[in-house]
Amino acid sequence: MSENVGVSDVRHVLVLPDRDAAEEVVEALGERFAVDEEPRIVRDALAGEDDAEDAQWLVVLRDEEGRLDPGALDALAGEWEGWREEP
C-alpha cells in the first residue's frame, strides 16, 4: 500500500452563479487574501445546456503554499451565493 505523503492540491475552485459575481470575488480575493497570482475566471456550461444563463462561473486560484483557509474561501464564495468545490 503506497501513500502520497506531502502531495496536496494546490488549487481552489470557487463556483459562482454568474460572471459578475465571479469578477467581484476575484476583486475580494485580492483585497482580503493578498493572493500572489491573479485567479482565473472560467465559464462552466452545465451538461446539455446551450444557454449562457445556464452556466456556472468558476474562480480558480493557485495556493501552492497552502496558506489560504478553505473555510474562509467557502464563506467568501457564499457571500455571492457560491461555494468552494472540495478537491
N, C-alpha and C. Protein backbone atom coordinates (compact mmCIF):
# COMPACT_ATOMS: atom_id res chain seq x y z
N MET A 1 0.84 -1.17 0.00
CA MET A 1 0.00 0.00 0.00
C MET A 1 0.90 1.24 0.00
N SER A 2 0.74 2.09 -1.00
CA SER A 2 1.56 3.29 -1.07
C SER A 2 0.74 4.50 -0.62
N GLU A 3 1.44 5.46 -0.08
CA GLU A 3 0.78 6.68 0.36
C GLU A 3 1.42 7.87 -0.34
N ASN A 4 0.63 8.84 -0.67
CA ASN A 4 1.14 10.06 -1.27
C ASN A 4 1.37 11.08 -0.17
N VAL A 5 2.47 10.94 0.51
CA VAL A 5 2.79 11.84 1.60
C VAL A 5 3.35 13.13 1.02
N GLY A 6 2.86 14.26 1.51
CA GLY A 6 3.36 15.55 1.08
C GLY A 6 2.74 16.07 -0.21
N VAL A 7 1.85 15.31 -0.81
CA VAL A 7 1.19 15.76 -2.02
C VAL A 7 -0.10 16.46 -1.64
N SER A 8 -0.29 17.66 -2.14
CA SER A 8 -1.51 18.39 -1.82
C SER A 8 -2.05 19.06 -3.07
N ASP A 9 -3.34 19.30 -3.08
CA ASP A 9 -3.96 20.03 -4.17
C ASP A 9 -3.55 21.49 -4.01
N VAL A 10 -3.05 22.08 -5.06
CA VAL A 10 -2.55 23.44 -4.96
C VAL A 10 -3.51 24.44 -5.60
N ARG A 11 -4.75 24.00 -5.83
CA ARG A 11 -5.75 24.89 -6.42
C ARG A 11 -7.01 24.88 -5.57
N HIS A 12 -7.70 26.00 -5.61
CA HIS A 12 -9.03 26.10 -5.03
C HIS A 12 -9.96 26.50 -6.17
N VAL A 13 -11.16 25.94 -6.17
CA VAL A 13 -12.15 26.27 -7.19
C VAL A 13 -13.40 26.78 -6.48
N LEU A 14 -13.74 28.03 -6.77
CA LEU A 14 -14.95 28.63 -6.22
C LEU A 14 -15.99 28.67 -7.34
N VAL A 15 -17.20 28.21 -7.04
CA VAL A 15 -18.28 28.14 -8.03
C VAL A 15 -19.25 29.28 -7.75
N LEU A 16 -19.49 30.11 -8.78
CA LEU A 16 -20.35 31.28 -8.63
C LEU A 16 -21.48 31.23 -9.65
N PRO A 17 -22.60 31.90 -9.37
CA PRO A 17 -23.77 31.82 -10.23
C PRO A 17 -23.67 32.61 -11.53
N ASP A 18 -22.82 33.66 -11.57
CA ASP A 18 -22.73 34.46 -12.79
C ASP A 18 -21.37 35.14 -12.88
N ARG A 19 -21.10 35.71 -14.05
CA ARG A 19 -19.79 36.33 -14.29
C ARG A 19 -19.55 37.53 -13.36
N ASP A 20 -20.57 38.34 -13.14
CA ASP A 20 -20.41 39.50 -12.26
C ASP A 20 -19.96 39.06 -10.87
N ALA A 21 -20.59 38.02 -10.34
CA ALA A 21 -20.21 37.51 -9.02
C ALA A 21 -18.77 37.01 -9.04
N ALA A 22 -18.38 36.31 -10.10
CA ALA A 22 -17.02 35.79 -10.21
C ALA A 22 -16.01 36.94 -10.22
N GLU A 23 -16.31 37.99 -10.97
CA GLU A 23 -15.39 39.14 -11.03
C GLU A 23 -15.29 39.84 -9.68
N GLU A 24 -16.40 39.95 -8.98
CA GLU A 24 -16.38 40.57 -7.66
C GLU A 24 -15.60 39.72 -6.65
N VAL A 25 -15.72 38.41 -6.76
CA VAL A 25 -14.97 37.51 -5.87
C VAL A 25 -13.47 37.65 -6.14
N VAL A 26 -13.07 37.74 -7.40
CA VAL A 26 -11.65 37.92 -7.72
C VAL A 26 -11.12 39.20 -7.08
N GLU A 27 -11.91 40.26 -7.16
CA GLU A 27 -11.50 41.53 -6.54
C GLU A 27 -11.39 41.37 -5.02
N ALA A 28 -12.36 40.71 -4.41
CA ALA A 28 -12.35 40.50 -2.96
C ALA A 28 -11.19 39.61 -2.54
N LEU A 29 -10.83 38.64 -3.36
CA LEU A 29 -9.69 37.77 -3.04
C LEU A 29 -8.42 38.60 -2.92
N GLY A 30 -8.24 39.52 -3.86
CA GLY A 30 -7.05 40.38 -3.82
C GLY A 30 -7.02 41.26 -2.59
N GLU A 31 -8.18 41.77 -2.20
CA GLU A 31 -8.26 42.66 -1.04
C GLU A 31 -8.12 41.92 0.28
N ARG A 32 -8.78 40.78 0.41
CA ARG A 32 -8.83 40.07 1.70
C ARG A 32 -7.68 39.11 1.92
N PHE A 33 -7.20 38.49 0.84
CA PHE A 33 -6.22 37.41 0.99
C PHE A 33 -4.86 37.73 0.39
N ALA A 34 -4.74 38.85 -0.31
CA ALA A 34 -3.47 39.24 -0.94
C ALA A 34 -2.87 38.06 -1.72
N VAL A 35 -3.67 37.49 -2.63
CA VAL A 35 -3.19 36.36 -3.42
C VAL A 35 -2.04 36.81 -4.33
N ASP A 36 -1.08 35.91 -4.51
CA ASP A 36 0.12 36.23 -5.30
C ASP A 36 -0.17 36.26 -6.80
N GLU A 37 -1.04 35.41 -7.24
CA GLU A 37 -1.31 35.25 -8.67
C GLU A 37 -2.78 35.56 -8.95
N GLU A 38 -3.04 36.25 -10.05
CA GLU A 38 -4.42 36.60 -10.42
C GLU A 38 -5.23 35.31 -10.64
N PRO A 39 -6.33 35.14 -9.93
CA PRO A 39 -7.19 33.97 -10.15
C PRO A 39 -7.77 33.99 -11.56
N ARG A 40 -8.05 32.82 -12.10
CA ARG A 40 -8.65 32.71 -13.43
C ARG A 40 -10.16 32.56 -13.28
N ILE A 41 -10.90 33.17 -14.21
CA ILE A 41 -12.34 33.01 -14.28
C ILE A 41 -12.64 32.11 -15.47
N VAL A 42 -13.42 31.06 -15.23
CA VAL A 42 -13.73 30.08 -16.26
C VAL A 42 -15.24 29.85 -16.30
N ARG A 43 -15.81 29.89 -17.49
CA ARG A 43 -17.23 29.58 -17.65
C ARG A 43 -17.39 28.08 -17.73
N ASP A 44 -18.32 27.54 -16.97
CA ASP A 44 -18.56 26.09 -16.94
C ASP A 44 -20.02 25.84 -17.31
N ALA A 45 -20.26 25.51 -18.58
CA ALA A 45 -21.63 25.24 -19.02
C ALA A 45 -22.12 23.94 -18.39
N LEU A 46 -23.35 23.95 -17.95
CA LEU A 46 -23.93 22.75 -17.37
C LEU A 46 -24.20 21.75 -18.48
N ALA A 47 -24.07 20.49 -18.18
CA ALA A 47 -24.23 19.43 -19.18
C ALA A 47 -25.56 19.56 -19.91
N GLY A 48 -25.50 19.58 -21.23
CA GLY A 48 -26.70 19.61 -22.05
C GLY A 48 -27.32 20.98 -22.20
N GLU A 49 -26.70 22.01 -21.66
CA GLU A 49 -27.27 23.35 -21.73
C GLU A 49 -26.47 24.21 -22.69
N ASP A 50 -27.17 24.88 -23.61
CA ASP A 50 -26.52 25.77 -24.56
C ASP A 50 -26.67 27.23 -24.16
N ASP A 51 -27.61 27.53 -23.31
CA ASP A 51 -27.93 28.90 -22.92
C ASP A 51 -26.90 29.42 -21.92
N ALA A 52 -26.36 30.60 -22.19
CA ALA A 52 -25.37 31.18 -21.29
C ALA A 52 -25.92 31.41 -19.89
N GLU A 53 -27.23 31.56 -19.78
CA GLU A 53 -27.83 31.74 -18.46
C GLU A 53 -27.71 30.48 -17.61
N ASP A 54 -27.54 29.34 -18.26
CA ASP A 54 -27.44 28.07 -17.55
C ASP A 54 -26.00 27.65 -17.36
N ALA A 55 -25.16 28.59 -17.00
CA ALA A 55 -23.75 28.30 -16.78
C ALA A 55 -23.35 28.71 -15.38
N GLN A 56 -22.34 28.03 -14.87
CA GLN A 56 -21.73 28.44 -13.62
C GLN A 56 -20.40 29.09 -13.98
N TRP A 57 -19.93 29.92 -13.13
CA TRP A 57 -18.64 30.57 -13.34
C TRP A 57 -17.70 30.12 -12.24
N LEU A 58 -16.52 29.71 -12.63
CA LEU A 58 -15.54 29.20 -11.68
C LEU A 58 -14.42 30.22 -11.51
N VAL A 59 -13.98 30.38 -10.29
CA VAL A 59 -12.79 31.16 -10.00
C VAL A 59 -11.75 30.15 -9.52
N VAL A 60 -10.67 30.04 -10.27
CA VAL A 60 -9.63 29.05 -9.97
C VAL A 60 -8.40 29.81 -9.49
N LEU A 61 -7.93 29.46 -8.30
CA LEU A 61 -6.73 30.11 -7.79
C LEU A 61 -5.75 29.10 -7.26
N ARG A 62 -4.49 29.41 -7.49
CA ARG A 62 -3.41 28.54 -7.04
C ARG A 62 -3.04 28.89 -5.60
N ASP A 63 -2.67 27.85 -4.86
CA ASP A 63 -2.29 28.02 -3.45
C ASP A 63 -1.22 26.99 -3.13
N GLU A 64 -0.09 27.11 -3.80
CA GLU A 64 0.97 26.11 -3.65
C GLU A 64 1.50 26.01 -2.24
N GLU A 65 1.47 27.11 -1.51
CA GLU A 65 1.99 27.09 -0.14
C GLU A 65 0.93 26.65 0.87
N GLY A 66 -0.31 26.48 0.43
CA GLY A 66 -1.37 26.04 1.31
C GLY A 66 -1.71 27.04 2.40
N ARG A 67 -1.59 28.33 2.09
CA ARG A 67 -1.81 29.35 3.12
C ARG A 67 -3.24 29.87 3.17
N LEU A 68 -4.06 29.54 2.17
CA LEU A 68 -5.45 30.02 2.15
C LEU A 68 -6.35 29.06 2.91
N ASP A 69 -7.17 29.60 3.78
CA ASP A 69 -8.07 28.80 4.60
C ASP A 69 -9.29 28.39 3.78
N PRO A 70 -9.50 27.08 3.57
CA PRO A 70 -10.65 26.63 2.78
C PRO A 70 -11.98 27.13 3.33
N GLY A 71 -12.14 27.17 4.63
CA GLY A 71 -13.38 27.65 5.23
C GLY A 71 -13.64 29.11 4.92
N ALA A 72 -12.58 29.91 4.98
CA ALA A 72 -12.72 31.34 4.67
C ALA A 72 -13.07 31.54 3.19
N LEU A 73 -12.48 30.71 2.32
CA LEU A 73 -12.80 30.81 0.89
C LEU A 73 -14.25 30.40 0.63
N ASP A 74 -14.72 29.37 1.32
CA ASP A 74 -16.11 28.94 1.17
C ASP A 74 -17.06 30.04 1.65
N ALA A 75 -16.71 30.68 2.76
CA ALA A 75 -17.54 31.78 3.28
C ALA A 75 -17.56 32.95 2.31
N LEU A 76 -16.41 33.25 1.72
CA LEU A 76 -16.33 34.33 0.73
C LEU A 76 -17.23 34.03 -0.46
N ALA A 77 -17.14 32.83 -1.01
CA ALA A 77 -17.99 32.46 -2.15
C ALA A 77 -19.46 32.51 -1.75
N GLY A 78 -19.77 32.12 -0.53
CA GLY A 78 -21.14 32.15 -0.03
C GLY A 78 -21.75 33.53 -0.02
N GLU A 79 -20.92 34.56 0.13
CA GLU A 79 -21.42 35.93 0.10
C GLU A 79 -22.04 36.27 -1.26
N TRP A 80 -21.65 35.53 -2.30
CA TRP A 80 -22.19 35.73 -3.65
C TRP A 80 -23.01 34.51 -4.09
N GLU A 81 -23.56 33.77 -3.14
CA GLU A 81 -24.38 32.59 -3.40
C GLU A 81 -23.62 31.50 -4.13
N GLY A 82 -22.34 31.37 -3.80
CA GLY A 82 -21.50 30.34 -4.40
C GLY A 82 -20.95 29.42 -3.33
N TRP A 83 -19.98 28.61 -3.71
CA TRP A 83 -19.34 27.68 -2.78
C TRP A 83 -17.97 27.30 -3.30
N ARG A 84 -17.18 26.66 -2.43
CA ARG A 84 -15.86 26.14 -2.80
C ARG A 84 -16.00 24.66 -3.04
N GLU A 85 -15.50 24.23 -4.20
CA GLU A 85 -15.53 22.80 -4.51
C GLU A 85 -14.51 22.09 -3.66
N GLU A 86 -14.87 20.96 -3.11
CA GLU A 86 -13.92 20.14 -2.38
C GLU A 86 -13.03 19.42 -3.39
N PRO A 87 -11.72 19.34 -3.11
CA PRO A 87 -10.81 18.66 -4.06
C PRO A 87 -11.12 17.17 -4.16
